[in-house]
Amino acid sequence: MKPHHPRIVVIDDNPAIHEDFDKILAAPESKAANALGETELLLFGAPASGAFPTPAPQESQFELSHALQGQEGLALVEQAVLEGRHYSVAFIDMRMPPGWDGLETAERILKVDPAVQVVICTAY
């Protein structure tokens, strides 16, 4: 049986924000994590032999989904409820032109799944 991992949905109109969430929350062997490791290697060089043990590859502790607009995020939450695989957290950007803003998106999501934890994100 596959282990249960908390499901997270990121709703933001900026694709770079989605990449940042992937880098932070994805499994170490993922493409985003490998890119981060390569950047660290370029910046800091390789550690001395045996200085740091190489960690065993790990599975991500989270299942991530992405939406670029509120309507798309709401559709993901509705589908998750139908499947009985609810999201634990929704990270929602406050400003997503030209569609719904973060507040409207959060309100609509909470009507569909009142148990999801909503985190409003903003650059302001």
Protein backbone atom coordinates (compact mmCIF):
# COMPACT_ATOMS: atom_id res chain seq x y z
CA MET A 1 0.00 0.00 0.00
CA LYS A 2 1.32 3.42 -0.96
CA PRO A 3 2.05 5.66 2.05
CA HIS A 4 -0.23 8.63 2.62
CA HIS A 5 1.40 12.00 1.94
CA PRO A 6 -0.27 15.32 2.64
CA ARG A 7 -1.60 16.87 -0.55
CA ILE A 8 -0.78 20.50 -1.27
CA VAL A 9 -2.20 22.71 -4.01
CA VAL A 10 -0.35 25.85 -5.10
CA ILE A 11 -2.51 28.45 -6.85
CA ASP A 12 -0.46 31.28 -8.33
CA ASP A 13 -0.34 32.98 -11.74
CA ASN A 14 3.49 33.03 -11.71
CA PRO A 15 5.06 29.75 -12.92
CA ALA A 16 8.33 30.64 -11.14
CA ILE A 17 6.49 30.45 -7.81
CA HIS A 18 5.41 26.91 -8.65
CA GLU A 19 9.04 26.02 -9.37
CA ASP A 20 10.05 27.46 -5.98
CA PHE A 21 7.49 25.27 -4.18
CA ASP A 22 8.81 22.26 -6.11
CA LYS A 23 12.39 23.07 -5.09
CA ILE A 24 11.44 23.41 -1.44
CA LEU A 25 8.97 20.53 -1.07
CA ALA A 26 9.90 18.02 -3.78
CA ALA A 27 11.87 14.82 -3.28
CA PRO A 28 15.66 15.24 -3.45
CA GLU A 29 15.89 13.18 -6.64
CA SER A 30 13.42 15.42 -8.47
CA LYS A 31 14.52 17.60 -11.37
CA ALA A 32 14.03 20.80 -9.34
CA ALA A 33 16.01 19.45 -6.39
CA ASN A 34 18.80 18.27 -8.71
CA ALA A 35 19.00 21.74 -10.25
CA LEU A 36 19.29 23.23 -6.77
CA GLY A 37 22.07 20.73 -5.92
CA GLU A 38 23.94 21.62 -9.10
CA THR A 39 23.73 25.32 -8.22
CA GLU A 40 25.07 24.64 -4.72
CA LEU A 41 27.94 22.66 -6.25
CA LEU A 42 28.80 25.57 -8.56
CA LEU A 43 28.67 28.07 -5.70
CA PHE A 44 30.37 26.11 -2.95
CA GLY A 45 32.31 23.38 -4.74
CA ALA A 46 32.30 19.70 -3.90
CA PRO A 47 32.75 18.80 -0.23
CA ALA A 48 36.00 17.05 0.75
CA SER A 49 35.82 13.30 0.20
CA GLY A 50 33.91 11.71 3.04
CA ALA A 51 33.12 15.07 4.65
CA PHE A 52 29.40 14.63 4.18
CA PRO A 53 27.76 11.27 3.60
CA THR A 54 25.56 11.11 0.54
CA PRO A 55 21.96 10.75 1.71
CA ALA A 56 19.92 7.92 0.31
CA PRO A 57 17.28 9.04 -2.21
CA GLN A 58 14.03 9.84 -0.48
CA GLU A 59 10.45 10.03 -1.61
CA SER A 60 8.82 13.43 -1.26
CA GLN A 61 6.79 13.83 1.91
CA PHE A 62 4.17 15.86 -0.01
CA GLU A 63 2.02 15.43 -3.09
CA LEU A 64 1.99 18.75 -4.98
CA SER A 65 -0.56 20.03 -7.47
CA HIS A 66 -0.42 23.34 -9.32
CA ALA A 67 -2.95 25.79 -10.73
CA LEU A 68 -2.29 29.11 -12.45
CA GLN A 69 -5.71 30.66 -11.67
CA GLY A 70 -8.36 30.40 -8.97
CA GLN A 71 -10.89 28.63 -11.20
CA GLU A 72 -8.32 25.96 -12.05
CA GLY A 73 -7.46 25.57 -8.35
CA LEU A 74 -11.11 25.20 -7.41
CA ALA A 75 -11.51 22.48 -10.04
CA LEU A 76 -8.58 20.57 -8.51
CA VAL A 77 -10.12 20.82 -5.03
CA GLU A 78 -13.53 19.69 -6.34
CA GLN A 79 -11.93 16.68 -8.05
CA ALA A 80 -9.98 15.83 -4.88
CA VAL A 81 -13.18 15.85 -2.82
CA LEU A 82 -14.92 13.59 -5.36
CA GLU A 83 -12.00 11.15 -5.19
CA GLY A 84 -11.89 11.26 -1.39
CA ARG A 85 -8.27 12.49 -1.58
CA HIS A 86 -8.61 15.94 0.00
CA TYR A 87 -5.91 18.57 0.01
CA SER A 88 -4.38 19.43 3.38
CA VAL A 89 -3.17 22.90 2.40
CA ALA A 90 -3.81 25.43 -0.37
CA PHE A 91 -1.20 28.15 -0.93
CA ILE A 92 -3.07 30.91 -2.76
CA ASP A 93 -1.62 34.07 -4.30
CA MET A 94 -3.66 37.16 -3.33
CA ARG A 95 -3.33 38.80 -6.77
CA MET A 96 -3.93 36.72 -9.89
CA PRO A 97 -5.03 38.89 -12.79
CA PRO A 98 -7.23 38.61 -14.79
CA GLY A 99 -9.23 35.99 -12.84
CA TRP A 100 -10.37 35.66 -9.25
CA ASP A 101 -8.18 37.16 -6.57
CA GLY A 102 -6.90 35.07 -3.67
CA LEU A 103 -9.75 35.99 -1.34
CA GLU A 104 -12.46 34.92 -3.78
CA THR A 105 -10.52 31.75 -4.59
CA ALA A 106 -10.16 30.90 -0.88
CA GLU A 107 -13.85 31.53 -0.19
CA ARG A 108 -14.94 29.25 -3.04
CA ILE A 109 -12.48 26.51 -2.05
CA LEU A 110 -13.64 26.59 1.57
CA LYS A 111 -17.26 26.15 0.45
CA VAL A 112 -16.23 22.94 -1.33
CA ASP A 113 -13.83 21.66 1.35
CA PRO A 114 -14.02 23.51 4.69
CA ALA A 115 -11.22 21.35 6.15
CA VAL A 116 -8.48 22.56 3.81
CA GLN A 117 -6.00 24.95 5.44
CA VAL A 118 -5.59 28.11 3.35
CA VAL A 119 -2.38 30.14 3.27
CA ILE A 120 -2.68 33.49 1.51
CA CYS A 121 0.56 34.51 -0.20
CA THR A 122 1.49 37.95 -1.47
CA ALA A 123 4.54 39.85 -2.62
CA TYR A 124 3.16 43.04 -1.07
